[in-house]
Amino acid sequence: MKKVISIALILVLVVAAFASCGNPQKKLLGTWKGDVEVLGITTSYEFTFNEDGTGKMTGVLGDTGVAFTYNIDDAGKLNIETEILTVKSTRTYSYSIEKDTLTLTLDSDGSVITLKKAVG
């Protein structure tokens, strides 16, 4: 009987461990805000990630923002694809989420954007 209980307990722990990993895309959902300084000019950014793989960035082209699609690839990289005036562009980011902070590091040049989760 002890063996059966031990096996059941191990199975419960394994299932709980996998459940806590979750879908990395779900952690991105919602709106994130922050400021980025380039050449002494500060720009406020806002990224909104929707559950369907779409989103919107503001701060890039003023208040109207830029629509995008996104995914997380097998290597754990965040790929954001935009289309501005029929020109498609994909940027690949390494990213991390610590509590309410999202850090995006652009793979092509190492530039960093730090954003805070918007509340409400």
PDB file of N, CA and C in Angstrom:
ATOM      1  N   MET A   1       0.821  -1.192   0.000  1.00  0.00           N
ATOM      2  CA  MET A   1       0.000   0.000   0.000  1.00  0.00           C
ATOM      3  C   MET A   1       0.871   1.265   0.000  1.00  0.00           C
ATOM      4  N   LYS A   2       1.975   1.232   0.783  1.00  0.00           N
ATOM      5  CA  LYS A   2       2.872   2.390   0.823  1.00  0.00           C
ATOM      6  C   LYS A   2       3.437   2.682  -0.566  1.00  0.00           C
ATOM      7  N   LYS A   3       3.714   1.624  -1.311  1.00  0.00           N
ATOM      8  CA  LYS A   3       4.281   1.792  -2.644  1.00  0.00           C
ATOM      9  C   LYS A   3       3.276   2.488  -3.572  1.00  0.00           C
ATOM     10  N   VAL A   4       2.014   2.110  -3.491  1.00  0.00           N
ATOM     11  CA  VAL A   4       0.963   2.713  -4.318  1.00  0.00           C
ATOM     12  C   VAL A   4       0.807   4.186  -3.964  1.00  0.00           C
ATOM     13  N   ILE A   5       0.817   4.513  -2.684  1.00  0.00           N
ATOM     14  CA  ILE A   5       0.688   5.898  -2.238  1.00  0.00           C
ATOM     15  C   ILE A   5       1.899   6.706  -2.697  1.00  0.00           C
ATOM     16  N   SER A   6       3.089   6.128  -2.604  1.00  0.00           N
ATOM     17  CA  SER A   6       4.307   6.820  -3.045  1.00  0.00           C
ATOM     18  C   SER A   6       4.254   7.113  -4.543  1.00  0.00           C
ATOM     19  N   ILE A   7       3.829   6.137  -5.331  1.00  0.00           N
ATOM     20  CA  ILE A   7       3.735   6.336  -6.783  1.00  0.00           C
ATOM     21  C   ILE A   7       2.689   7.409  -7.098  1.00  0.00           C
ATOM     22  N   ALA A   8       1.551   7.370  -6.423  1.00  0.00           N
ATOM     23  CA  ALA A   8       0.506   8.362  -6.649  1.00  0.00           C
ATOM     24  C   ALA A   8       1.011   9.761  -6.293  1.00  0.00           C
ATOM     25  N   LEU A   9       1.739   9.866  -5.196  1.00  0.00           N
ATOM     26  CA  LEU A   9       2.284  11.160  -4.780  1.00  0.00           C
ATOM     27  C   LEU A   9       3.289  11.680  -5.809  1.00  0.00           C
ATOM     28  N   ILE A  10       4.129  10.824  -6.327  1.00  0.00           N
ATOM     29  CA  ILE A  10       5.106  11.216  -7.344  1.00  0.00           C
ATOM     30  C   ILE A  10       4.373  11.689  -8.601  1.00  0.00           C
ATOM     31  N   LEU A  11       3.339  10.970  -9.015  1.00  0.00           N
ATOM     32  CA  LEU A  11       2.579  11.383 -10.193  1.00  0.00           C
ATOM     33  C   LEU A  11       1.932  12.752  -9.997  1.00  0.00           C
ATOM     34  N   VAL A  12       1.398  12.991  -8.813  1.00  0.00           N
ATOM     35  CA  VAL A  12       0.791  14.294  -8.517  1.00  0.00           C
ATOM     36  C   VAL A  12       1.848  15.391  -8.598  1.00  0.00           C
ATOM     37  N   LEU A  13       3.032  15.165  -8.066  1.00  0.00           N
ATOM     38  CA  LEU A  13       4.106  16.156  -8.108  1.00  0.00           C
ATOM     39  C   LEU A  13       4.568  16.419  -9.540  1.00  0.00           C
ATOM     40  N   VAL A  14       4.672  15.375 -10.348  1.00  0.00           N
ATOM     41  CA  VAL A  14       5.080  15.541 -11.744  1.00  0.00           C
ATOM     42  C   VAL A  14       4.037  16.353 -12.511  1.00  0.00           C
ATOM     43  N   VAL A  15       2.766  16.036 -12.327  1.00  0.00           N
ATOM     44  CA  VAL A  15       1.693  16.781 -13.001  1.00  0.00           C
ATOM     45  C   VAL A  15       1.704  18.240 -12.554  1.00  0.00           C
ATOM     46  N   ALA A  16       1.884  18.488 -11.276  1.00  0.00           N
ATOM     47  CA  ALA A  16       1.931  19.865 -10.763  1.00  0.00           C
ATOM     48  C   ALA A  16       3.117  20.618 -11.342  1.00  0.00           C
ATOM     49  N   ALA A  17       4.247  19.954 -11.492  1.00  0.00           N
ATOM     50  CA  ALA A  17       5.432  20.606 -12.052  1.00  0.00           C
ATOM     51  C   ALA A  17       5.184  21.008 -13.499  1.00  0.00           C
ATOM     52  N   PHE A  18       4.579  20.121 -14.278  1.00  0.00           N
ATOM     53  CA  PHE A  18       4.280  20.468 -15.671  1.00  0.00           C
ATOM     54  C   PHE A  18       3.229  21.561 -15.763  1.00  0.00           C
ATOM     55  N   ALA A  19       2.254  21.551 -14.905  1.00  0.00           N
ATOM     56  CA  ALA A  19       1.209  22.572 -14.936  1.00  0.00           C
ATOM     57  C   ALA A  19       1.775  23.943 -14.592  1.00  0.00           C
ATOM     58  N   SER A  20       2.747  23.988 -13.700  1.00  0.00           N
ATOM     59  CA  SER A  20       3.314  25.283 -13.320  1.00  0.00           C
ATOM     60  C   SER A  20       4.156  25.890 -14.436  1.00  0.00           C
ATOM     61  N   CYS A  21       4.695  25.041 -15.335  1.00  0.00           N
ATOM     62  CA  CYS A  21       5.453  25.564 -16.470  1.00  0.00           C
ATOM     63  C   CYS A  21       4.542  26.364 -17.380  1.00  0.00           C
ATOM     64  N   GLY A  22       3.377  25.816 -17.662  1.00  0.00           N
ATOM     65  CA  GLY A  22       2.368  26.519 -18.444  1.00  0.00           C
ATOM     66  C   GLY A  22       2.832  26.913 -19.831  1.00  0.00           C
ATOM     67  N   ASN A  23       1.961  27.578 -20.514  1.00  0.00           N
ATOM     68  CA  ASN A  23       2.231  28.082 -21.846  1.00  0.00           C
ATOM     69  C   ASN A  23       2.946  29.415 -21.714  1.00  0.00           C
ATOM     70  N   PRO A  24       4.170  29.545 -22.264  1.00  0.00           N
ATOM     71  CA  PRO A  24       4.903  30.803 -22.093  1.00  0.00           C
ATOM     72  C   PRO A  24       4.178  31.991 -22.706  1.00  0.00           C
ATOM     73  N   GLN A  25       3.361  31.737 -23.735  1.00  0.00           N
ATOM     74  CA  GLN A  25       2.631  32.832 -24.362  1.00  0.00           C
ATOM     75  C   GLN A  25       1.624  33.442 -23.391  1.00  0.00           C
ATOM     76  N   LYS A  26       1.045  32.653 -22.517  1.00  0.00           N
ATOM     77  CA  LYS A  26       0.049  33.159 -21.571  1.00  0.00           C
ATOM     78  C   LYS A  26       0.644  34.198 -20.618  1.00  0.00           C
ATOM     79  N   LYS A  27       1.920  34.058 -20.294  1.00  0.00           N
ATOM     80  CA  LYS A  27       2.567  35.026 -19.412  1.00  0.00           C
ATOM     81  C   LYS A  27       2.685  36.399 -20.068  1.00  0.00           C
ATOM     82  N   LEU A  28       2.710  36.430 -21.400  1.00  0.00           N
ATOM     83  CA  LEU A  28       2.840  37.697 -22.127  1.00  0.00           C
ATOM     84  C   LEU A  28       1.523  38.458 -22.239  1.00  0.00           C
ATOM     85  N   LEU A  29       0.413  37.762 -22.114  1.00  0.00           N
ATOM     86  CA  LEU A  29      -0.887  38.373 -22.371  1.00  0.00           C
ATOM     87  C   LEU A  29      -1.107  39.628 -21.546  1.00  0.00           C
ATOM     88  N   GLY A  30      -1.712  40.622 -22.204  1.00  0.00           N
ATOM     89  CA  GLY A  30      -2.018  41.873 -21.529  1.00  0.00           C
ATOM     90  C   GLY A  30      -1.185  43.014 -22.079  1.00  0.00           C
ATOM     91  N   THR A  31      -1.204  44.117 -21.343  1.00  0.00           N
ATOM     92  CA  THR A  31      -0.521  45.330 -21.777  1.00  0.00           C
ATOM     93  C   THR A  31       0.672  45.599 -20.884  1.00  0.00           C
ATOM     94  N   TRP A  32       1.778  45.968 -21.514  1.00  0.00           N
ATOM     95  CA  TRP A  32       3.049  46.264 -20.848  1.00  0.00           C
ATOM     96  C   TRP A  32       3.483  47.664 -21.258  1.00  0.00           C
ATOM     97  N   LYS A  33       3.957  48.460 -20.313  1.00  0.00           N
ATOM     98  CA  LYS A  33       4.350  49.844 -20.597  1.00  0.00           C
ATOM     99  C   LYS A  33       5.758  50.127 -20.089  1.00  0.00           C
ATOM    100  N   GLY A  34       6.438  51.047 -20.796  1.00  0.00           N
ATOM    101  CA  GLY A  34       7.775  51.444 -20.364  1.00  0.00           C
ATOM    102  C   GLY A  34       8.322  52.564 -21.211  1.00  0.00           C
ATOM    103  N   ASP A  35       9.459  53.090 -20.801  1.00  0.00           N
ATOM    104  CA  ASP A  35      10.139  54.164 -21.509  1.00  0.00           C
ATOM    105  C   ASP A  35      11.483  53.658 -22.011  1.00  0.00           C
ATOM    106  N   VAL A  36      11.848  54.110 -23.212  1.00  0.00           N
ATOM    107  CA  VAL A  36      13.137  53.754 -23.798  1.00  0.00           C
ATOM    108  C   VAL A  36      13.822  55.050 -24.201  1.00  0.00           C
ATOM    109  N   GLU A  37      15.101  55.170 -23.828  1.00  0.00           N
ATOM    110  CA  GLU A  37      15.863  56.360 -24.190  1.00  0.00           C
ATOM    111  C   GLU A  37      16.858  56.000 -25.285  1.00  0.00           C
ATOM    112  N   VAL A  38      16.793  56.742 -26.395  1.00  0.00           N
ATOM    113  CA  VAL A  38      17.724  56.560 -27.510  1.00  0.00           C
ATOM    114  C   VAL A  38      18.246  57.935 -27.892  1.00  0.00           C
ATOM    115  N   LEU A  39      19.561  58.085 -27.855  1.00  0.00           N
ATOM    116  CA  LEU A  39      20.212  59.353 -28.198  1.00  0.00           C
ATOM    117  C   LEU A  39      19.639  60.528 -27.407  1.00  0.00           C
ATOM    118  N   GLY A  40      19.359  60.287 -26.138  1.00  0.00           N
ATOM    119  CA  GLY A  40      18.868  61.350 -25.264  1.00  0.00           C
ATOM    120  C   GLY A  40      17.392  61.652 -25.396  1.00  0.00           C
ATOM    121  N   ILE A  41      16.686  60.935 -26.264  1.00  0.00           N
ATOM    122  CA  ILE A  41      15.251  61.147 -26.451  1.00  0.00           C
ATOM    123  C   ILE A  41      14.511  59.971 -25.831  1.00  0.00           C
ATOM    124  N   THR A  42      13.592  60.264 -24.910  1.00  0.00           N
ATOM    125  CA  THR A  42      12.820  59.225 -24.244  1.00  0.00           C
ATOM    126  C   THR A  42      11.501  59.019 -24.969  1.00  0.00           C
ATOM    127  N   THR A  43      11.202  57.780 -25.279  1.00  0.00           N
ATOM    128  CA  THR A  43       9.951  57.412 -25.930  1.00  0.00           C
ATOM    129  C   THR A  43       9.203  56.443 -25.028  1.00  0.00           C
ATOM    130  N   SER A  44       7.919  56.704 -24.798  1.00  0.00           N
ATOM    131  CA  SER A  44       7.078  55.787 -24.029  1.00  0.00           C
ATOM    132  C   SER A  44       6.538  54.717 -24.965  1.00  0.00           C
ATOM    133  N   TYR A  45       6.676  53.476 -24.558  1.00  0.00           N
ATOM    134  CA  TYR A  45       6.195  52.346 -25.340  1.00  0.00           C
ATOM    135  C   TYR A  45       5.071  51.648 -24.613  1.00  0.00           C
ATOM    136  N   GLU A  46       4.207  51.033 -25.390  1.00  0.00           N
ATOM    137  CA  GLU A  46       3.161  50.184 -24.843  1.00  0.00           C
ATOM    138  C   GLU A  46       2.992  49.004 -25.788  1.00  0.00           C
ATOM    139  N   PHE A  47       3.116  47.810 -25.265  1.00  0.00           N
ATOM    140  CA  PHE A  47       2.913  46.591 -26.038  1.00  0.00           C
ATOM    141  C   PHE A  47       1.693  45.885 -25.467  1.00  0.00           C
ATOM    142  N   THR A  48       0.761  45.514 -26.336  1.00  0.00           N
ATOM    143  CA  THR A  48      -0.391  44.723 -25.916  1.00  0.00           C
ATOM    144  C   THR A  48      -0.344  43.399 -26.659  1.00  0.00           C
ATOM    145  N   PHE A  49      -0.337  42.303 -25.903  1.00  0.00           N
ATOM    146  CA  PHE A  49      -0.307  40.959 -26.464  1.00  0.00           C
ATOM    147  C   PHE A  49      -1.671  40.310 -26.240  1.00  0.00           C
ATOM    148  N   ASN A  50      -2.335  39.927 -27.329  1.00  0.00           N
ATOM    149  CA  ASN A  50      -3.635  39.274 -27.265  1.00  0.00           C
ATOM    150  C   ASN A  50      -3.463  37.768 -27.322  1.00  0.00           C
ATOM    151  N   GLU A  51      -4.465  37.057 -26.851  1.00  0.00           N
ATOM    152  CA  GLU A  51      -4.404  35.602 -26.784  1.00  0.00           C
ATOM    153  C   GLU A  51      -4.317  34.944 -28.164  1.00  0.00           C
ATOM    154  N   ASP A  52      -4.828  35.605 -29.203  1.00  0.00           N
ATOM    155  CA  ASP A  52      -4.851  35.013 -30.536  1.00  0.00           C
ATOM    156  C   ASP A  52      -3.558  35.220 -31.336  1.00  0.00           C
ATOM    157  N   GLY A  53      -2.496  35.713 -30.681  1.00  0.00           N
ATOM    158  CA  GLY A  53      -1.221  35.899 -31.367  1.00  0.00           C
ATOM    159  C   GLY A  53      -1.095  37.236 -32.081  1.00  0.00           C
ATOM    160  N   THR A  54      -2.026  38.146 -31.820  1.00  0.00           N
ATOM    161  CA  THR A  54      -1.945  39.496 -32.381  1.00  0.00           C
ATOM    162  C   THR A  54      -1.624  40.474 -31.263  1.00  0.00           C
ATOM    163  N   GLY A  55      -1.277  41.686 -31.652  1.00  0.00           N
ATOM    164  CA  GLY A  55      -0.997  42.690 -30.644  1.00  0.00           C
ATOM    165  C   GLY A  55      -0.855  44.056 -31.264  1.00  0.00           C
ATOM    166  N   LYS A  56      -0.464  45.013 -30.430  1.00  0.00           N
ATOM    167  CA  LYS A  56      -0.289  46.387 -30.895  1.00  0.00           C
ATOM    168  C   LYS A  56       0.803  47.045 -30.066  1.00  0.00           C
ATOM    169  N   MET A  57       1.677  47.812 -30.765  1.00  0.00           N
ATOM    170  CA  MET A  57       2.711  48.608 -30.104  1.00  0.00           C
ATOM    171  C   MET A  57       2.390  50.073 -30.327  1.00  0.00           C
ATOM    172  N   THR A  58       2.455  50.859 -29.288  1.00  0.00           N
ATOM    173  CA  THR A  58       2.389  52.306 -29.466  1.00  0.00           C
ATOM    174  C   THR A  58       3.729  52.870 -29.033  1.00  0.00           C
ATOM    175  N   GLY A  59       3.994  54.082 -29.492  1.00  0.00           N
ATOM    176  CA  GLY A  59       5.287  54.688 -29.224  1.00  0.00           C
ATOM    177  C   GLY A  59       6.206  54.572 -30.414  1.00  0.00           C
ATOM    178  N   VAL A  60       5.810  53.777 -31.396  1.00  0.00           N
ATOM    179  CA  VAL A  60       6.616  53.574 -32.586  1.00  0.00           C
ATOM    180  C   VAL A  60       6.240  54.596 -33.648  1.00  0.00           C
ATOM    181  N   LEU A  61       4.956  54.688 -33.937  1.00  0.00           N
ATOM    182  CA  LEU A  61       4.466  55.647 -34.921  1.00  0.00           C
ATOM    183  C   LEU A  61       3.416  56.547 -34.279  1.00  0.00           C
ATOM    184  N   GLY A  62       3.726  57.063 -33.115  1.00  0.00           N
ATOM    185  CA  GLY A  62       2.790  57.947 -32.439  1.00  0.00           C
ATOM    186  C   GLY A  62       1.687  57.182 -31.743  1.00  0.00           C
ATOM    187  N   ASP A  63       0.583  57.863 -31.521  1.00  0.00           N
ATOM    188  CA  ASP A  63      -0.513  57.290 -30.752  1.00  0.00           C
ATOM    189  C   ASP A  63      -1.269  56.189 -31.474  1.00  0.00           C
ATOM    190  N   THR A  64      -1.218  56.171 -32.820  1.00  0.00           N
ATOM    191  CA  THR A  64      -1.982  55.164 -33.543  1.00  0.00           C
ATOM    192  C   THR A  64      -1.394  53.772 -33.367  1.00  0.00           C
ATOM    193  N   GLY A  65      -0.109  53.670 -33.192  1.00  0.00           N
ATOM    194  CA  GLY A  65       0.536  52.397 -32.949  1.00  0.00           C
ATOM    195  C   GLY A  65       0.686  51.544 -34.192  1.00  0.00           C
ATOM    196  N   VAL A  66       1.246  50.373 -33.979  1.00  0.00           N
ATOM    197  CA  VAL A  66       1.511  49.429 -35.055  1.00  0.00           C
ATOM    198  C   VAL A  66       0.968  48.076 -34.627  1.00  0.00           C
ATOM    199  N   ALA A  67       0.137  47.480 -35.483  1.00  0.00           N
ATOM    200  CA  ALA A  67      -0.369  46.134 -35.215  1.00  0.00           C
ATOM    201  C   ALA A  67       0.745  45.132 -35.495  1.00  0.00           C
ATOM    202  N   PHE A  68       0.727  44.025 -34.781  1.00  0.00           N
ATOM    203  CA  PHE A  68       1.714  42.975 -35.014  1.00  0.00           C
ATOM    204  C   PHE A  68       1.121  41.613 -34.746  1.00  0.00           C
ATOM    205  N   THR A  69       1.812  40.598 -35.229  1.00  0.00           N
ATOM    206  CA  THR A  69       1.542  39.224 -34.833  1.00  0.00           C
ATOM    207  C   THR A  69       2.791  38.734 -34.105  1.00  0.00           C
ATOM    208  N   TYR A  70       2.606  37.753 -33.250  1.00  0.00           N
ATOM    209  CA  TYR A  70       3.754  37.260 -32.490  1.00  0.00           C
ATOM    210  C   TYR A  70       3.622  35.773 -32.224  1.00  0.00           C
ATOM    211  N   ASN A  71       4.771  35.167 -31.943  1.00  0.00           N
ATOM    212  CA  ASN A  71       4.803  33.774 -31.507  1.00  0.00           C
ATOM    213  C   ASN A  71       6.077  33.558 -30.713  1.00  0.00           C
ATOM    214  N   ILE A  72       6.094  32.469 -30.000  1.00  0.00           N
ATOM    215  CA  ILE A  72       7.294  32.041 -29.281  1.00  0.00           C
ATOM    216  C   ILE A  72       7.755  30.766 -29.968  1.00  0.00           C
ATOM    217  N   ASP A  73       8.976  30.795 -30.506  1.00  0.00           N
ATOM    218  CA  ASP A  73       9.452  29.648 -31.280  1.00  0.00           C
ATOM    219  C   ASP A  73       9.987  28.555 -30.361  1.00  0.00           C
ATOM    220  N   ASP A  74      10.423  27.465 -30.976  1.00  0.00           N
ATOM    221  CA  ASP A  74      10.909  26.310 -30.217  1.00  0.00           C
ATOM    222  C   ASP A  74      12.138  26.625 -29.378  1.00  0.00           C
ATOM    223  N   ALA A  75      12.886  27.662 -29.753  1.00  0.00           N
ATOM    224  CA  ALA A  75      14.076  28.060 -28.998  1.00  0.00           C
ATOM    225  C   ALA A  75      13.716  29.013 -27.852  1.00  0.00           C
ATOM    226  N   GLY A  76      12.418  29.302 -27.682  1.00  0.00           N
ATOM    227  CA  GLY A  76      11.991  30.191 -26.608  1.00  0.00           C
ATOM    228  C   GLY A  76      12.173  31.659 -26.942  1.00  0.00           C
ATOM    229  N   LYS A  77      12.310  31.994 -28.220  1.00  0.00           N
ATOM    230  CA  LYS A  77      12.473  33.380 -28.658  1.00  0.00           C
ATOM    231  C   LYS A  77      11.112  33.958 -29.023  1.00  0.00           C
ATOM    232  N   LEU A  78      10.935  35.235 -28.723  1.00  0.00           N
ATOM    233  CA  LEU A  78       9.712  35.951 -29.068  1.00  0.00           C
ATOM    234  C   LEU A  78       9.911  36.607 -30.426  1.00  0.00           C
ATOM    235  N   ASN A  79       9.088  36.246 -31.393  1.00  0.00           N
ATOM    236  CA  ASN A  79       9.150  36.805 -32.743  1.00  0.00           C
ATOM    237  C   ASN A  79       7.960  37.733 -32.933  1.00  0.00           C
ATOM    238  N   ILE A  80       8.225  38.991 -33.258  1.00  0.00           N
ATOM    239  CA  ILE A  80       7.170  39.976 -33.492  1.00  0.00           C
ATOM    240  C   ILE A  80       7.268  40.419 -34.941  1.00  0.00           C
ATOM    241  N   GLU A  81       6.175  40.216 -35.690  1.00  0.00           N
ATOM    242  CA  GLU A  81       6.136  40.590 -37.102  1.00  0.00           C
ATOM    243  C   GLU A  81       5.207  41.779 -37.293  1.00  0.00           C
ATOM    244  N   THR A  82       5.717  42.813 -37.937  1.00  0.00           N
ATOM    245  CA  THR A  82       4.923  43.995 -38.247  1.00  0.00           C
ATOM    246  C   THR A  82       4.860  44.175 -39.762  1.00  0.00           C
ATOM    247  N   GLU A  83       3.891  44.952 -40.190  1.00  0.00           N
ATOM    248  CA  GLU A  83       3.800  45.328 -41.601  1.00  0.00           C
ATOM    249  C   GLU A  83       3.464  46.808 -41.647  1.00  0.00           C
ATOM    250  N   ILE A  84       4.414  47.599 -42.137  1.00  0.00           N
ATOM    251  CA  ILE A  84       4.239  49.046 -42.250  1.00  0.00           C
ATOM    252  C   ILE A  84       4.384  49.403 -43.720  1.00  0.00           C
ATOM    253  N   LEU A  85       3.318  49.970 -44.279  1.00  0.00           N
ATOM    254  CA  LEU A  85       3.312  50.341 -45.702  1.00  0.00           C
ATOM    255  C   LEU A  85       3.719  49.175 -46.593  1.00  0.00           C
ATOM    256  N   THR A  86       3.143  48.023 -46.350  1.00  0.00           N
ATOM    257  CA  THR A  86       3.368  46.767 -47.089  1.00  0.00           C
ATOM    258  C   THR A  86       4.761  46.176 -46.916  1.00  0.00           C
ATOM    259  N   VAL A  87       5.563  46.728 -46.038  1.00  0.00           N
ATOM    260  CA  VAL A  87       6.887  46.169 -45.761  1.00  0.00           C
ATOM    261  C   VAL A  87       6.802  45.351 -44.467  1.00  0.00           C
ATOM    262  N   LYS A  88       7.014  44.037 -44.601  1.00  0.00           N
ATOM    263  CA  LYS A  88       6.976  43.161 -43.439  1.00  0.00           C
ATOM    264  C   LYS A  88       8.343  43.089 -42.781  1.00  0.00           C
ATOM    265  N   SER A  89       8.328  43.065 -41.477  1.00  0.00           N
ATOM    266  CA  SER A  89       9.568  42.994 -40.709  1.00  0.00           C
ATOM    267  C   SER A  89       9.345  42.078 -39.517  1.00  0.00           C
ATOM    268  N   THR A  90      10.294  41.200 -39.261  1.00  0.00           N
ATOM    269  CA  THR A  90      10.222  40.340 -38.079  1.00  0.00           C
ATOM    270  C   THR A  90      11.415  40.631 -37.193  1.00  0.00           C
ATOM    271  N   ARG A  91      11.132  40.897 -35.943  1.00  0.00           N
ATOM    272  CA  ARG A  91      12.193  41.103 -34.959  1.00  0.00           C
ATOM    273  C   ARG A  91      12.132  39.959 -33.963  1.00  0.00           C
ATOM    274  N   THR A  92      13.293  39.444 -33.642  1.00  0.00           N
ATOM    275  CA  THR A  92      13.392  38.329 -32.711  1.00  0.00           C
ATOM    276  C   THR A  92      14.013  38.820 -31.420  1.00  0.00           C
ATOM    277  N   TYR A  93      13.335  38.520 -30.318  1.00  0.00           N
ATOM    278  CA  TYR A  93      13.765  38.961 -28.991  1.00  0.00           C
ATOM    279  C   TYR A  93      14.012  37.769 -28.084  1.00  0.00           C
ATOM    280  N   SER A  94      15.047  37.880 -27.263  1.00  0.00           N
ATOM    281  CA  SER A  94      15.140  37.053 -26.072  1.00  0.00           C
ATOM    282  C   SER A  94      14.306  37.804 -25.054  1.00  0.00           C
ATOM    283  N   TYR A  95      13.595  37.099 -24.216  1.00  0.00           N
ATOM    284  CA  TYR A  95      12.755  37.814 -23.261  1.00  0.00           C
ATOM    285  C   TYR A  95      12.742  37.094 -21.925  1.00  0.00           C
ATOM    286  N   SER A  96      12.425  37.872 -20.908  1.00  0.00           N
ATOM    287  CA  SER A  96      12.239  37.280 -19.579  1.00  0.00           C
ATOM    288  C   SER A  96      11.123  38.038 -18.884  1.00  0.00           C
ATOM    289  N   ILE A  97      10.408  37.321 -18.048  1.00  0.00           N
ATOM    290  CA  ILE A  97       9.342  37.921 -17.244  1.00  0.00           C
ATOM    291  C   ILE A  97       9.648  37.606 -15.789  1.00  0.00           C
ATOM    292  N   GLU A  98       9.849  38.650 -15.010  1.00  0.00           N
ATOM    293  CA  GLU A  98      10.082  38.524 -13.567  1.00  0.00           C
ATOM    294  C   GLU A  98       9.008  39.332 -12.871  1.00  0.00           C
ATOM    295  N   LYS A  99       8.093  38.655 -12.208  1.00  0.00           N
ATOM    296  CA  LYS A  99       6.953  39.294 -11.548  1.00  0.00           C
ATOM    297  C   LYS A  99       6.196  40.153 -12.546  1.00  0.00           C
ATOM    298  N   ASP A 100       6.247  41.486 -12.412  1.00  0.00           N
ATOM    299  CA  ASP A 100       5.486  42.369 -13.304  1.00  0.00           C
ATOM    300  C   ASP A 100       6.382  43.089 -14.310  1.00  0.00           C
ATOM    301  N   THR A 101       7.580  42.550 -14.572  1.00  0.00           N
ATOM    302  CA  THR A 101       8.517  43.192 -15.488  1.00  0.00           C
ATOM    303  C   THR A 101       8.836  42.272 -16.666  1.00  0.00           C
ATOM    304  N   LEU A 102       8.661  42.810 -17.869  1.00  0.00           N
ATOM    305  CA  LEU A 102       8.993  42.115 -19.103  1.00  0.00           C
ATOM    306  C   LEU A 102      10.222  42.782 -19.693  1.00  0.00           C
ATOM    307  N   THR A 103      11.273  42.008 -19.917  1.00  0.00           N
ATOM    308  CA  THR A 103      12.493  42.527 -20.525  1.00  0.00           C
ATOM    309  C   THR A 103      12.648  41.894 -21.898  1.00  0.00           C
ATOM    310  N   LEU A 104      12.715  42.756 -22.922  1.00  0.00           N
ATOM    311  CA  LEU A 104      12.910  42.315 -24.299  1.00  0.00           C
ATOM    312  C   LEU A 104      14.304  42.719 -24.748  1.00  0.00           C
ATOM    313  N   THR A 105      15.084  41.760 -25.225  1.00  0.00           N
ATOM    314  CA  THR A 105      16.420  42.039 -25.748  1.00  0.00           C
ATOM    315  C   THR A 105      16.427  41.658 -27.216  1.00  0.00           C
ATOM    316  N   LEU A 106      16.600  42.645 -28.075  1.00  0.00           N
ATOM    317  CA  LEU A 106      16.595  42.422 -29.519  1.00  0.00           C
ATOM    318  C   LEU A 106      17.839  41.627 -29.901  1.00  0.00           C
ATOM    319  N   ASP A 107      17.634  40.471 -30.499  1.00  0.00           N
ATOM    320  CA  ASP A 107      18.753  39.594 -30.837  1.00  0.00           C
ATOM    321  C   ASP A 107      19.723  40.228 -31.831  1.00  0.00           C
ATOM    322  N   SER A 108      19.227  41.056 -32.743  1.00  0.00           N
ATOM    323  CA  SER A 108      20.093  41.598 -33.795  1.00  0.00           C
ATOM    324  C   SER A 108      21.111  42.613 -33.286  1.00  0.00           C
ATOM    325  N   ASP A 109      20.776  43.382 -32.236  1.00  0.00           N
ATOM    326  CA  ASP A 109      21.734  44.399 -31.778  1.00  0.00           C
ATOM    327  C   ASP A 109      21.872  44.501 -30.254  1.00  0.00           C
ATOM    328  N   GLY A 110      21.149  43.675 -29.517  1.00  0.00           N
ATOM    329  CA  GLY A 110      21.280  43.666 -28.067  1.00  0.00           C
ATOM    330  C   GLY A 110      20.563  44.790 -27.354  1.00  0.00           C
ATOM    331  N   SER A 111      19.811  45.628 -28.088  1.00  0.00           N
ATOM    332  CA  SER A 111      19.090  46.713 -27.409  1.00  0.00           C
ATOM    333  C   SER A 111      18.000  46.120 -26.512  1.00  0.00           C
ATOM    334  N   VAL A 112      17.750  46.807 -25.399  1.00  0.00           N
ATOM    335  CA  VAL A 112      16.865  46.284 -24.362  1.00  0.00           C
ATOM    336  C   VAL A 112      15.691  47.230 -24.147  1.00  0.00           C
ATOM    337  N   ILE A 113      14.498  46.635 -24.029  1.00  0.00           N
ATOM    338  CA  ILE A 113      13.295  47.366 -23.659  1.00  0.00           C
ATOM    339  C   ILE A 113      12.774  46.719 -22.387  1.00  0.00           C
ATOM    340  N   THR A 114      12.586  47.527 -21.337  1.00  0.00           N
ATOM    341  CA  THR A 114      12.044  47.020 -20.083  1.00  0.00           C
ATOM    342  C   THR A 114      10.643  47.601 -19.897  1.00  0.00           C
ATOM    343  N   LEU A 115       9.680  46.727 -19.686  1.00  0.00           N
ATOM    344  CA  LEU A 115       8.283  47.138 -19.580  1.00  0.00           C
ATOM    345  C   LEU A 115       7.671  46.610 -18.289  1.00  0.00           C
ATOM    346  N   LYS A 116       6.721  47.343 -17.754  1.00  0.00           N
ATOM    347  CA  LYS A 116       5.989  46.932 -16.560  1.00  0.00           C
ATOM    348  C   LYS A 116       4.571  46.555 -16.963  1.00  0.00           C
ATOM    349  N   LYS A 117       4.025  45.538 -16.323  1.00  0.00           N
ATOM    350  CA  LYS A 117       2.668  45.094 -16.596  1.00  0.00           C
ATOM    351  C   LYS A 117       1.701  46.198 -16.196  1.00  0.00           C
ATOM    352  N   ALA A 118       0.818  46.588 -17.116  1.00  0.00           N
ATOM    353  CA  ALA A 118      -0.189  47.605 -16.829  1.00  0.00           C
ATOM    354  C   ALA A 118      -1.303  46.968 -15.995  1.00  0.00           C
ATOM    355  N   VAL A 119      -1.771  47.698 -15.028  1.00  0.00           N
ATOM    356  CA  VAL A 119      -2.832  47.214 -14.153  1.00  0.00           C
ATOM    357  C   VAL A 119      -4.121  47.924 -14.536  1.00  0.00           C
ATOM    358  N   GLY A 120      -5.175  47.114 -14.688  1.00  0.00           N
ATOM    359  CA  GLY A 120      -6.493  47.699 -14.949  1.00  0.00           C
ATOM    360  C   GLY A 120      -6.762  48.072 -16.277  1.00  0.00           C
TER     361      GLY A 120
END
